[in-house]
Amino acid sequence: MIRNGLYVYESKALDGGEGGYKGVVVLRDGSILGGSSFFYFTGTYSCSGGKWKGELTQREHTPAPFSFATARKIVSAGFTGTYSDEAAEFEATALVGKRSLRYYAIMRLLKAD
């Protein structure tokens, strides 16, 4: 089971896209809550045997620069990845309007519950 706790994360756009975020995320019993300087996200996940998957929805809490592909949009994404006792990673695909954007994120456990 992935450890409940507070994680720091860093994501980057794939496929030549621009963008990426740094922030914090809380994982707790299948629920994800997190955010960065412009966005917050909520979602759910399931995990077993070192693999996890889930979905999340991102919204703005502070207006982001229009150069961000996700500015002024509610974005849904699905993800799959792996985890260990101290870290997790995943690749996500987000639908932004009619575009599909891929992201890679790595997370490091800061404080376990």
PDB file of N, CA and C in Angstrom:
ATOM      1  N   MET A   1       0.844  -1.185   0.000  1.00  0.00           N
ATOM      2  CA  MET A   1       0.000   0.000   0.000  1.00  0.00           C
ATOM      3  C   MET A   1       0.886   1.244   0.000  1.00  0.00           C
ATOM      4  N   ILE A   2       0.517   2.226  -0.799  1.00  0.00           N
ATOM      5  CA  ILE A   2       1.246   3.486  -0.812  1.00  0.00           C
ATOM      6  C   ILE A   2       1.057   4.178   0.540  1.00  0.00           C
ATOM      7  N   ARG A   3       2.096   4.808   1.045  1.00  0.00           N
ATOM      8  CA  ARG A   3       2.025   5.405   2.381  1.00  0.00           C
ATOM      9  C   ARG A   3       1.205   6.687   2.388  1.00  0.00           C
ATOM     10  N   ASN A   4       0.341   6.796   3.369  1.00  0.00           N
ATOM     11  CA  ASN A   4      -0.381   8.043   3.599  1.00  0.00           C
ATOM     12  C   ASN A   4       0.613   9.088   4.072  1.00  0.00           C
ATOM     13  N   GLY A   5       0.437  10.324   3.615  1.00  0.00           N
ATOM     14  CA  GLY A   5       1.303  11.380   4.097  1.00  0.00           C
ATOM     15  C   GLY A   5       1.384  12.565   3.161  1.00  0.00           C
ATOM     16  N   LEU A   6       2.303  13.449   3.499  1.00  0.00           N
ATOM     17  CA  LEU A   6       2.557  14.671   2.738  1.00  0.00           C
ATOM     18  C   LEU A   6       3.752  14.435   1.821  1.00  0.00           C
ATOM     19  N   TYR A   7       3.573  14.737   0.543  1.00  0.00           N
ATOM     20  CA  TYR A   7       4.617  14.551  -0.471  1.00  0.00           C
ATOM     21  C   TYR A   7       4.907  15.881  -1.156  1.00  0.00           C
ATOM     22  N   VAL A   8       6.135  16.059  -1.592  1.00  0.00           N
ATOM     23  CA  VAL A   8       6.489  17.142  -2.499  1.00  0.00           C
ATOM     24  C   VAL A   8       6.504  16.523  -3.891  1.00  0.00           C
ATOM     25  N   TYR A   9       6.042  17.271  -4.882  1.00  0.00           N
ATOM     26  CA  TYR A   9       6.032  16.711  -6.234  1.00  0.00           C
ATOM     27  C   TYR A   9       6.582  17.724  -7.231  1.00  0.00           C
ATOM     28  N   GLU A  10       7.063  17.168  -8.331  1.00  0.00           N
ATOM     29  CA  GLU A  10       7.516  17.981  -9.452  1.00  0.00           C
ATOM     30  C   GLU A  10       7.039  17.287 -10.720  1.00  0.00           C
ATOM     31  N   SER A  11       6.366  18.041 -11.576  1.00  0.00           N
ATOM     32  CA  SER A  11       5.871  17.466 -12.828  1.00  0.00           C
ATOM     33  C   SER A  11       6.463  18.226 -14.004  1.00  0.00           C
ATOM     34  N   LYS A  12       6.533  17.544 -15.128  1.00  0.00           N
ATOM     35  CA  LYS A  12       6.995  18.207 -16.350  1.00  0.00           C
ATOM     36  C   LYS A  12       6.170  17.700 -17.517  1.00  0.00           C
ATOM     37  N   ALA A  13       5.999  18.568 -18.503  1.00  0.00           N
ATOM     38  CA  ALA A  13       5.254  18.211 -19.707  1.00  0.00           C
ATOM     39  C   ALA A  13       6.099  17.289 -20.580  1.00  0.00           C
ATOM     40  N   LEU A  14       5.450  16.357 -21.227  1.00  0.00           N
ATOM     41  CA  LEU A  14       6.105  15.440 -22.151  1.00  0.00           C
ATOM     42  C   LEU A  14       5.740  15.807 -23.588  1.00  0.00           C
ATOM     43  N   ASP A  15       6.295  15.103 -24.533  1.00  0.00           N
ATOM     44  CA  ASP A  15       5.972  15.277 -25.958  1.00  0.00           C
ATOM     45  C   ASP A  15       6.279  16.684 -26.460  1.00  0.00           C
ATOM     46  N   GLY A  16       7.304  17.322 -25.910  1.00  0.00           N
ATOM     47  CA  GLY A  16       7.682  18.646 -26.373  1.00  0.00           C
ATOM     48  C   GLY A  16       6.796  19.766 -25.867  1.00  0.00           C
ATOM     49  N   GLY A  17       5.854  19.442 -24.983  1.00  0.00           N
ATOM     50  CA  GLY A  17       4.981  20.471 -24.426  1.00  0.00           C
ATOM     51  C   GLY A  17       5.726  21.334 -23.428  1.00  0.00           C
ATOM     52  N   GLU A  18       5.177  22.504 -23.165  1.00  0.00           N
ATOM     53  CA  GLU A  18       5.750  23.395 -22.170  1.00  0.00           C
ATOM     54  C   GLU A  18       4.945  23.265 -20.891  1.00  0.00           C
ATOM     55  N   GLY A  19       5.615  23.440 -19.787  1.00  0.00           N
ATOM     56  CA  GLY A  19       4.898  23.443 -18.522  1.00  0.00           C
ATOM     57  C   GLY A  19       5.431  22.412 -17.557  1.00  0.00           C
ATOM     58  N   GLY A  20       4.970  22.550 -16.364  1.00  0.00           N
ATOM     59  CA  GLY A  20       5.355  21.701 -15.262  1.00  0.00           C
ATOM     60  C   GLY A  20       5.112  22.465 -13.977  1.00  0.00           C
ATOM     61  N   TYR A  21       4.981  21.753 -12.908  1.00  0.00           N
ATOM     62  CA  TYR A  21       4.634  22.372 -11.642  1.00  0.00           C
ATOM     63  C   TYR A  21       5.452  21.762 -10.529  1.00  0.00           C
ATOM     64  N   LYS A  22       5.599  22.503  -9.441  1.00  0.00           N
ATOM     65  CA  LYS A  22       6.162  22.010  -8.196  1.00  0.00           C
ATOM     66  C   LYS A  22       5.149  22.350  -7.130  1.00  0.00           C
ATOM     67  N   GLY A  23       4.923  21.422  -6.222  1.00  0.00           N
ATOM     68  CA  GLY A  23       3.958  21.681  -5.174  1.00  0.00           C
ATOM     69  C   GLY A  23       3.959  20.585  -4.142  1.00  0.00           C
ATOM     70  N   VAL A  24       2.881  20.520  -3.378  1.00  0.00           N
ATOM     71  CA  VAL A  24       2.716  19.495  -2.366  1.00  0.00           C
ATOM     72  C   VAL A  24       1.417  18.745  -2.605  1.00  0.00           C
ATOM     73  N   VAL A  25       1.399  17.512  -2.133  1.00  0.00           N
ATOM     74  CA  VAL A  25       0.215  16.673  -2.275  1.00  0.00           C
ATOM     75  C   VAL A  25       0.088  15.790  -1.037  1.00  0.00           C
ATOM     76  N   VAL A  26      -1.149  15.565  -0.608  1.00  0.00           N
ATOM     77  CA  VAL A  26      -1.436  14.659   0.491  1.00  0.00           C
ATOM     78  C   VAL A  26      -2.133  13.437  -0.087  1.00  0.00           C
ATOM     79  N   LEU A  27      -1.592  12.270   0.208  1.00  0.00           N
ATOM     80  CA  LEU A  27      -2.233  11.001  -0.152  1.00  0.00           C
ATOM     81  C   LEU A  27      -2.773  10.386   1.133  1.00  0.00           C
ATOM     82  N   ARG A  28      -4.045  10.015   1.118  1.00  0.00           N
ATOM     83  CA  ARG A  28      -4.633   9.413   2.306  1.00  0.00           C
ATOM     84  C   ARG A  28      -5.775   8.486   1.915  1.00  0.00           C
ATOM     85  N   ASP A  29      -5.539   7.197   2.092  1.00  0.00           N
ATOM     86  CA  ASP A  29      -6.578   6.180   1.932  1.00  0.00           C
ATOM     87  C   ASP A  29      -7.355   6.316   0.627  1.00  0.00           C
ATOM     88  N   GLY A  30      -6.658   6.492  -0.475  1.00  0.00           N
ATOM     89  CA  GLY A  30      -7.298   6.555  -1.782  1.00  0.00           C
ATOM     90  C   GLY A  30      -7.718   7.943  -2.230  1.00  0.00           C
ATOM     91  N   SER A  31      -7.399   8.959  -1.458  1.00  0.00           N
ATOM     92  CA  SER A  31      -7.763  10.333  -1.793  1.00  0.00           C
ATOM     93  C   SER A  31      -6.503  11.171  -2.014  1.00  0.00           C
ATOM     94  N   ILE A  32      -6.545  12.061  -3.021  1.00  0.00           N
ATOM     95  CA  ILE A  32      -5.435  12.957  -3.343  1.00  0.00           C
ATOM     96  C   ILE A  32      -5.911  14.398  -3.184  1.00  0.00           C
ATOM     97  N   LEU A  33      -5.127  15.202  -2.472  1.00  0.00           N
ATOM     98  CA  LEU A  33      -5.366  16.641  -2.357  1.00  0.00           C
ATOM     99  C   LEU A  33      -4.030  17.327  -2.520  1.00  0.00           C
ATOM    100  N   GLY A  34      -3.945  18.328  -3.383  1.00  0.00           N
ATOM    101  CA  GLY A  34      -2.658  18.987  -3.553  1.00  0.00           C
ATOM    102  C   GLY A  34      -2.768  20.290  -4.291  1.00  0.00           C
ATOM    103  N   GLY A  35      -1.606  20.911  -4.501  1.00  0.00           N
ATOM    104  CA  GLY A  35      -1.612  22.152  -5.243  1.00  0.00           C
ATOM    105  C   GLY A  35      -0.242  22.744  -5.411  1.00  0.00           C
ATOM    106  N   SER A  36      -0.238  23.831  -6.165  1.00  0.00           N
ATOM    107  CA  SER A  36       0.974  24.586  -6.465  1.00  0.00           C
ATOM    108  C   SER A  36       0.617  26.066  -6.405  1.00  0.00           C
ATOM    109  N   SER A  37       1.454  26.920  -6.980  1.00  0.00           N
ATOM    110  CA  SER A  37       1.254  28.356  -6.848  1.00  0.00           C
ATOM    111  C   SER A  37      -0.009  28.879  -7.532  1.00  0.00           C
ATOM    112  N   PHE A  38      -0.514  28.209  -8.571  1.00  0.00           N
ATOM    113  CA  PHE A  38      -1.709  28.678  -9.265  1.00  0.00           C
ATOM    114  C   PHE A  38      -2.884  27.692  -9.223  1.00  0.00           C
ATOM    115  N   PHE A  39      -2.589  26.417  -9.022  1.00  0.00           N
ATOM    116  CA  PHE A  39      -3.609  25.375  -9.175  1.00  0.00           C
ATOM    117  C   PHE A  39      -3.721  24.499  -7.934  1.00  0.00           C
ATOM    118  N   TYR A  40      -4.897  23.907  -7.764  1.00  0.00           N
ATOM    119  CA  TYR A  40      -5.073  22.846  -6.772  1.00  0.00           C
ATOM    120  C   TYR A  40      -5.757  21.690  -7.479  1.00  0.00           C
ATOM    121  N   PHE A  41      -5.600  20.510  -6.917  1.00  0.00           N
ATOM    122  CA  PHE A  41      -6.243  19.351  -7.515  1.00  0.00           C
ATOM    123  C   PHE A  41      -6.744  18.399  -6.447  1.00  0.00           C
ATOM    124  N   THR A  42      -7.772  17.672  -6.824  1.00  0.00           N
ATOM    125  CA  THR A  42      -8.377  16.646  -5.977  1.00  0.00           C
ATOM    126  C   THR A  42      -8.562  15.401  -6.828  1.00  0.00           C
ATOM    127  N   GLY A  43      -8.580  14.258  -6.187  1.00  0.00           N
ATOM    128  CA  GLY A  43      -8.787  13.038  -6.956  1.00  0.00           C
ATOM    129  C   GLY A  43      -8.777  11.799  -6.091  1.00  0.00           C
ATOM    130  N   THR A  44      -8.758  10.671  -6.764  1.00  0.00           N
ATOM    131  CA  THR A  44      -8.760   9.375  -6.099  1.00  0.00           C
ATOM    132  C   THR A  44      -7.722   8.470  -6.752  1.00  0.00           C
ATOM    133  N   TYR A  45      -7.304   7.452  -6.005  1.00  0.00           N
ATOM    134  CA  TYR A  45      -6.355   6.490  -6.538  1.00  0.00           C
ATOM    135  C   TYR A  45      -6.579   5.129  -5.900  1.00  0.00           C
ATOM    136  N   SER A  46      -6.027   4.113  -6.548  1.00  0.00           N
ATOM    137  CA  SER A  46      -5.963   2.769  -5.988  1.00  0.00           C
ATOM    138  C   SER A  46      -4.543   2.267  -6.198  1.00  0.00           C
ATOM    139  N   CYS A  47      -4.112   1.339  -5.355  1.00  0.00           N
ATOM    140  CA  CYS A  47      -2.737   0.862  -5.455  1.00  0.00           C
ATOM    141  C   CYS A  47      -2.628  -0.572  -4.955  1.00  0.00           C
ATOM    142  N   SER A  48      -1.616  -1.253  -5.483  1.00  0.00           N
ATOM    143  CA  SER A  48      -1.335  -2.617  -5.070  1.00  0.00           C
ATOM    144  C   SER A  48      -0.014  -3.056  -5.678  1.00  0.00           C
ATOM    145  N   GLY A  49       0.796  -3.740  -4.902  1.00  0.00           N
ATOM    146  CA  GLY A  49       2.007  -4.347  -5.415  1.00  0.00           C
ATOM    147  C   GLY A  49       2.985  -3.410  -6.082  1.00  0.00           C
ATOM    148  N   GLY A  50       3.106  -2.184  -5.587  1.00  0.00           N
ATOM    149  CA  GLY A  50       4.059  -1.238  -6.146  1.00  0.00           C
ATOM    150  C   GLY A  50       3.559  -0.439  -7.334  1.00  0.00           C
ATOM    151  N   LYS A  51       2.298  -0.659  -7.734  1.00  0.00           N
ATOM    152  CA  LYS A  51       1.719   0.103  -8.847  1.00  0.00           C
ATOM    153  C   LYS A  51       0.487   0.842  -8.349  1.00  0.00           C
ATOM    154  N   TRP A  52       0.255   2.016  -8.956  1.00  0.00           N
ATOM    155  CA  TRP A  52      -0.948   2.759  -8.593  1.00  0.00           C
ATOM    156  C   TRP A  52      -1.519   3.452  -9.808  1.00  0.00           C
ATOM    157  N   LYS A  53      -2.798   3.804  -9.714  1.00  0.00           N
ATOM    158  CA  LYS A  53      -3.492   4.490 -10.802  1.00  0.00           C
ATOM    159  C   LYS A  53      -4.594   5.331 -10.186  1.00  0.00           C
ATOM    160  N   GLY A  54      -5.029   6.319 -10.952  1.00  0.00           N
ATOM    161  CA  GLY A  54      -6.088   7.161 -10.432  1.00  0.00           C
ATOM    162  C   GLY A  54      -6.487   8.234 -11.410  1.00  0.00           C
ATOM    163  N   GLU A  55      -7.266   9.168 -10.897  1.00  0.00           N
ATOM    164  CA  GLU A  55      -7.713  10.299 -11.694  1.00  0.00           C
ATOM    165  C   GLU A  55      -7.772  11.515 -10.796  1.00  0.00           C
ATOM    166  N   LEU A  56      -7.581  12.673 -11.412  1.00  0.00           N
ATOM    167  CA  LEU A  56      -7.651  13.917 -10.644  1.00  0.00           C
ATOM    168  C   LEU A  56      -8.221  15.029 -11.499  1.00  0.00           C
ATOM    169  N   THR A  57      -8.701  16.052 -10.817  1.00  0.00           N
ATOM    170  CA  THR A  57      -9.235  17.240 -11.472  1.00  0.00           C
ATOM    171  C   THR A  57      -8.488  18.451 -10.924  1.00  0.00           C
ATOM    172  N   GLN A  58      -8.011  19.284 -11.831  1.00  0.00           N
ATOM    173  CA  GLN A  58      -7.241  20.481 -11.466  1.00  0.00           C
ATOM    174  C   GLN A  58      -8.071  21.730 -11.742  1.00  0.00           C
ATOM    175  N   ARG A  59      -8.011  22.666 -10.789  1.00  0.00           N
ATOM    176  CA  ARG A  59      -8.669  23.967 -10.928  1.00  0.00           C
ATOM    177  C   ARG A  59      -7.704  25.060 -10.480  1.00  0.00           C
ATOM    178  N   GLU A  60      -7.941  26.278 -10.941  1.00  0.00           N
ATOM    179  CA  GLU A  60      -7.137  27.421 -10.506  1.00  0.00           C
ATOM    180  C   GLU A  60      -7.626  27.928  -9.154  1.00  0.00           C
ATOM    181  N   HIS A  61      -6.692  28.318  -8.294  1.00  0.00           N
ATOM    182  CA  HIS A  61      -7.054  29.069  -7.086  1.00  0.00           C
ATOM    183  C   HIS A  61      -6.588  30.519  -7.208  1.00  0.00           C
ATOM    184  N   THR A  62      -5.635  30.780  -8.116  1.00  0.00           N
ATOM    185  CA  THR A  62      -5.117  32.104  -8.423  1.00  0.00           C
ATOM    186  C   THR A  62      -4.928  32.164  -9.932  1.00  0.00           C
ATOM    187  N   PRO A  63      -5.354  33.229 -10.595  1.00  0.00           N
ATOM    188  CA  PRO A  63      -5.223  33.267 -12.061  1.00  0.00           C
ATOM    189  C   PRO A  63      -3.783  33.014 -12.519  1.00  0.00           C
ATOM    190  N   ALA A  64      -3.632  32.025 -13.377  1.00  0.00           N
ATOM    191  CA  ALA A  64      -2.323  31.657 -13.931  1.00  0.00           C
ATOM    192  C   ALA A  64      -2.057  32.461 -15.196  1.00  0.00           C
ATOM    193  N   PRO A  65      -0.805  32.646 -15.541  1.00  0.00           N
ATOM    194  CA  PRO A  65      -0.495  33.325 -16.809  1.00  0.00           C
ATOM    195  C   PRO A  65      -1.133  32.589 -17.985  1.00  0.00           C
ATOM    196  N   PHE A  66      -1.573  33.337 -18.987  1.00  0.00           N
ATOM    197  CA  PHE A  66      -2.218  32.716 -20.145  1.00  0.00           C
ATOM    198  C   PHE A  66      -1.263  31.827 -20.930  1.00  0.00           C
ATOM    199  N   SER A  67       0.040  31.934 -20.669  1.00  0.00           N
ATOM    200  CA  SER A  67       0.995  31.057 -21.341  1.00  0.00           C
ATOM    201  C   SER A  67       0.879  29.611 -20.848  1.00  0.00           C
ATOM    202  N   PHE A  68       0.223  29.386 -19.708  1.00  0.00           N
ATOM    203  CA  PHE A  68      -0.017  28.036 -19.208  1.00  0.00           C
ATOM    204  C   PHE A  68      -1.176  27.436 -20.015  1.00  0.00           C
ATOM    205  N   ALA A  69      -0.975  26.251 -20.540  1.00  0.00           N
ATOM    206  CA  ALA A  69      -2.018  25.590 -21.344  1.00  0.00           C
ATOM    207  C   ALA A  69      -3.292  25.351 -20.545  1.00  0.00           C
ATOM    208  N   THR A  70      -3.175  25.249 -19.231  1.00  0.00           N
ATOM    209  CA  THR A  70      -4.336  24.947 -18.391  1.00  0.00           C
ATOM    210  C   THR A  70      -4.952  26.177 -17.735  1.00  0.00           C
ATOM    211  N   ALA A  71      -4.469  27.374 -18.065  1.00  0.00           N
ATOM    212  CA  ALA A  71      -5.012  28.606 -17.484  1.00  0.00           C
ATOM    213  C   ALA A  71      -6.491  28.749 -17.816  1.00  0.00           C
ATOM    214  N   ARG A  72      -7.269  29.119 -16.816  1.00  0.00           N
ATOM    215  CA  ARG A  72      -8.721  29.368 -16.928  1.00  0.00           C
ATOM    216  C   ARG A  72      -9.514  28.129 -17.335  1.00  0.00           C
ATOM    217  N   LYS A  73      -8.961  26.947 -17.111  1.00  0.00           N
ATOM    218  CA  LYS A  73      -9.651  25.708 -17.491  1.00  0.00           C
ATOM    219  C   LYS A  73      -9.724  24.756 -16.307  1.00  0.00           C
ATOM    220  N   ILE A  74     -10.775  23.968 -16.271  1.00  0.00           N
ATOM    221  CA  ILE A  74     -10.860  22.831 -15.355  1.00  0.00           C
ATOM    222  C   ILE A  74     -10.350  21.638 -16.149  1.00  0.00           C
ATOM    223  N   VAL A  75      -9.349  20.953 -15.606  1.00  0.00           N
ATOM    224  CA  VAL A  75      -8.657  19.900 -16.344  1.00  0.00           C
ATOM    225  C   VAL A  75      -8.788  18.578 -15.605  1.00  0.00           C
ATOM    226  N   SER A  76      -9.189  17.539 -16.306  1.00  0.00           N
ATOM    227  CA  SER A  76      -9.249  16.186 -15.756  1.00  0.00           C
ATOM    228  C   SER A  76      -8.119  15.358 -16.336  1.00  0.00           C
ATOM    229  N   ALA A  77      -7.557  14.477 -15.521  1.00  0.00           N
ATOM    230  CA  ALA A  77      -6.442  13.639 -15.973  1.00  0.00           C
ATOM    231  C   ALA A  77      -6.541  12.263 -15.334  1.00  0.00           C
ATOM    232  N   GLY A  78      -6.069  11.267 -16.057  1.00  0.00           N
ATOM    233  CA  GLY A  78      -5.901   9.931 -15.528  1.00  0.00           C
ATOM    234  C   GLY A  78      -4.418   9.648 -15.433  1.00  0.00           C
ATOM    235  N   PHE A  79      -4.004   8.815 -14.478  1.00  0.00           N
ATOM    236  CA  PHE A  79      -2.582   8.533 -14.329  1.00  0.00           C
ATOM    237  C   PHE A  79      -2.336   7.082 -13.922  1.00  0.00           C
ATOM    238  N   THR A  80      -1.124   6.614 -14.216  1.00  0.00           N
ATOM    239  CA  THR A  80      -0.632   5.313 -13.765  1.00  0.00           C
ATOM    240  C   THR A  80       0.836   5.479 -13.419  1.00  0.00           C
ATOM    241  N   GLY A  81       1.300   4.674 -12.468  1.00  0.00           N
ATOM    242  CA  GLY A  81       2.696   4.766 -12.087  1.00  0.00           C
ATOM    243  C   GLY A  81       3.098   3.709 -11.086  1.00  0.00           C
ATOM    244  N   THR A  82       4.220   3.982 -10.410  1.00  0.00           N
ATOM    245  CA  THR A  82       4.768   3.066  -9.414  1.00  0.00           C
ATOM    246  C   THR A  82       5.034   3.827  -8.124  1.00  0.00           C
ATOM    247  N   TYR A  83       5.222   3.051  -7.037  1.00  0.00           N
ATOM    248  CA  TYR A  83       5.522   3.667  -5.746  1.00  0.00           C
ATOM    249  C   TYR A  83       6.429   2.757  -4.924  1.00  0.00           C
ATOM    250  N   SER A  84       7.096   3.374  -3.950  1.00  0.00           N
ATOM    251  CA  SER A  84       7.898   2.658  -2.964  1.00  0.00           C
ATOM    252  C   SER A  84       7.542   3.232  -1.600  1.00  0.00           C
ATOM    253  N   ASP A  85       8.285   2.855  -0.565  1.00  0.00           N
ATOM    254  CA  ASP A  85       7.998   3.373   0.773  1.00  0.00           C
ATOM    255  C   ASP A  85       8.247   4.871   0.909  1.00  0.00           C
ATOM    256  N   GLU A  86       9.127   5.429   0.083  1.00  0.00           N
ATOM    257  CA  GLU A  86       9.521   6.828   0.248  1.00  0.00           C
ATOM    258  C   GLU A  86       9.190   7.727  -0.936  1.00  0.00           C
ATOM    259  N   ALA A  87       8.669   7.167  -2.024  1.00  0.00           N
ATOM    260  CA  ALA A  87       8.452   7.976  -3.227  1.00  0.00           C
ATOM    261  C   ALA A  87       7.387   7.344  -4.112  1.00  0.00           C
ATOM    262  N   ALA A  88       6.951   8.109  -5.087  1.00  0.00           N
ATOM    263  CA  ALA A  88       6.009   7.625  -6.091  1.00  0.00           C
ATOM    264  C   ALA A  88       6.254   8.411  -7.372  1.00  0.00           C
ATOM    265  N   GLU A  89       5.847   7.837  -8.484  1.00  0.00           N
ATOM    266  CA  GLU A  89       5.929   8.531  -9.753  1.00  0.00           C
ATOM    267  C   GLU A  89       4.747   8.102 -10.602  1.00  0.00           C
ATOM    268  N   PHE A  90       4.411   8.948 -11.565  1.00  0.00           N
ATOM    269  CA  PHE A  90       3.322   8.585 -12.465  1.00  0.00           C
ATOM    270  C   PHE A  90       3.412   9.369 -13.757  1.00  0.00           C
ATOM    271  N   GLU A  91       2.734   8.856 -14.754  1.00  0.00           N
ATOM    272  CA  GLU A  91       2.543   9.549 -16.019  1.00  0.00           C
ATOM    273  C   GLU A  91       1.052   9.786 -16.160  1.00  0.00           C
ATOM    274  N   ALA A  92       0.688  11.010 -16.512  1.00  0.00           N
ATOM    275  CA  ALA A  92      -0.714  11.401 -16.603  1.00  0.00           C
ATOM    276  C   ALA A  92      -1.037  11.919 -18.000  1.00  0.00           C
ATOM    277  N   THR A  93      -2.273  11.702 -18.402  1.00  0.00           N
ATOM    278  CA  THR A  93      -2.786  12.280 -19.638  1.00  0.00           C
ATOM    279  C   THR A  93      -3.963  13.170 -19.275  1.00  0.00           C
ATOM    280  N   ALA A  94      -3.858  14.442 -19.644  1.00  0.00           N
ATOM    281  CA  ALA A  94      -4.882  15.438 -19.312  1.00  0.00           C
ATOM    282  C   ALA A  94      -5.584  15.898 -20.577  1.00  0.00           C
ATOM    283  N   LEU A  95      -6.885  16.079 -20.487  1.00  0.00           N
ATOM    284  CA  LEU A  95      -7.655  16.654 -21.580  1.00  0.00           C
ATOM    285  C   LEU A  95      -7.821  18.139 -21.311  1.00  0.00           C
ATOM    286  N   VAL A  96      -7.276  18.945 -22.222  1.00  0.00           N
ATOM    287  CA  VAL A  96      -7.339  20.399 -22.100  1.00  0.00           C
ATOM    288  C   VAL A  96      -8.040  20.891 -23.361  1.00  0.00           C
ATOM    289  N   GLY A  97      -9.327  21.169 -23.234  1.00  0.00           N
ATOM    290  CA  GLY A  97     -10.114  21.479 -24.428  1.00  0.00           C
ATOM    291  C   GLY A  97     -10.122  20.259 -25.331  1.00  0.00           C
ATOM    292  N   LYS A  98      -9.680  20.425 -26.559  1.00  0.00           N
ATOM    293  CA  LYS A  98      -9.603  19.307 -27.499  1.00  0.00           C
ATOM    294  C   LYS A  98      -8.207  18.701 -27.557  1.00  0.00           C
ATOM    295  N   ARG A  99      -7.283  19.248 -26.759  1.00  0.00           N
ATOM    296  CA  ARG A  99      -5.902  18.759 -26.740  1.00  0.00           C
ATOM    297  C   ARG A  99      -5.707  17.720 -25.645  1.00  0.00           C
ATOM    298  N   SER A 100      -4.844  16.791 -25.916  1.00  0.00           N
ATOM    299  CA  SER A 100      -4.429  15.804 -24.933  1.00  0.00           C
ATOM    300  C   SER A 100      -2.972  16.094 -24.582  1.00  0.00           C
ATOM    301  N   LEU A 101      -2.693  16.357 -23.303  1.00  0.00           N
ATOM    302  CA  LEU A 101      -1.344  16.670 -22.842  1.00  0.00           C
ATOM    303  C   LEU A 101      -0.876  15.573 -21.891  1.00  0.00           C
ATOM    304  N   ARG A 102       0.407  15.211 -22.014  1.00  0.00           N
ATOM    305  CA  ARG A 102       0.969  14.197 -21.126  1.00  0.00           C
ATOM    306  C   ARG A 102       1.975  14.845 -20.182  1.00  0.00           C
ATOM    307  N   TYR A 103       1.963  14.367 -18.951  1.00  0.00           N
ATOM    308  CA  TYR A 103       2.861  14.858 -17.918  1.00  0.00           C
ATOM    309  C   TYR A 103       3.501  13.686 -17.183  1.00  0.00           C
ATOM    310  N   TYR A 104       4.693  13.937 -16.665  1.00  0.00           N
ATOM    311  CA  TYR A 104       5.389  12.979 -15.809  1.00  0.00           C
ATOM    312  C   TYR A 104       5.612  13.664 -14.472  1.00  0.00           C
ATOM    313  N   ALA A 105       5.353  12.959 -13.383  1.00  0.00           N
ATOM    314  CA  ALA A 105       5.543  13.535 -12.055  1.00  0.00           C
ATOM    315  C   ALA A 105       6.295  12.564 -11.159  1.00  0.00           C
ATOM    316  N   ILE A 106       7.119  13.131 -10.311  1.00  0.00           N
ATOM    317  CA  ILE A 106       7.818  12.361  -9.291  1.00  0.00           C
ATOM    318  C   ILE A 106       7.487  12.981  -7.936  1.00  0.00           C
ATOM    319  N   MET A 107       7.256  12.131  -6.958  1.00  0.00           N
ATOM    320  CA  MET A 107       6.844  12.584  -5.634  1.00  0.00           C
ATOM    321  C   MET A 107       7.774  11.973  -4.592  1.00  0.00           C
ATOM    322  N   ARG A 108       8.103  12.764  -3.574  1.00  0.00           N
ATOM    323  CA  ARG A 108       8.958  12.287  -2.484  1.00  0.00           C
ATOM    324  C   ARG A 108       8.223  12.517  -1.173  1.00  0.00           C
ATOM    325  N   LEU A 109       8.169  11.475  -0.350  1.00  0.00           N
ATOM    326  CA  LEU A 109       7.481  11.557   0.943  1.00  0.00           C
ATOM    327  C   LEU A 109       8.228  12.487   1.885  1.00  0.00           C
ATOM    328  N   LEU A 110       7.505  13.494   2.399  1.00  0.00           N
ATOM    329  CA  LEU A 110       8.074  14.423   3.376  1.00  0.00           C
ATOM    330  C   LEU A 110       7.748  13.993   4.793  1.00  0.00           C
ATOM    331  N   LYS A 111       6.484  13.598   5.015  1.00  0.00           N
ATOM    332  CA  LYS A 111       6.012  13.248   6.350  1.00  0.00           C
ATOM    333  C   LYS A 111       4.926  12.201   6.236  1.00  0.00           C
ATOM    334  N   ALA A 112       5.162  11.025   6.779  1.00  0.00           N
ATOM    335  CA  ALA A 112       4.156   9.961   6.770  1.00  0.00           C
ATOM    336  C   ALA A 112       3.152  10.208   7.906  1.00  0.00           C
ATOM    337  N   ASP A 113       1.921   9.757   7.695  1.00  0.00           N
ATOM    338  CA  ASP A 113       0.902   9.835   8.759  1.00  0.00           C
ATOM    339  C   ASP A 113       1.232   8.851   9.876  1.00  0.00           C
TER     340      ASP A 113
END
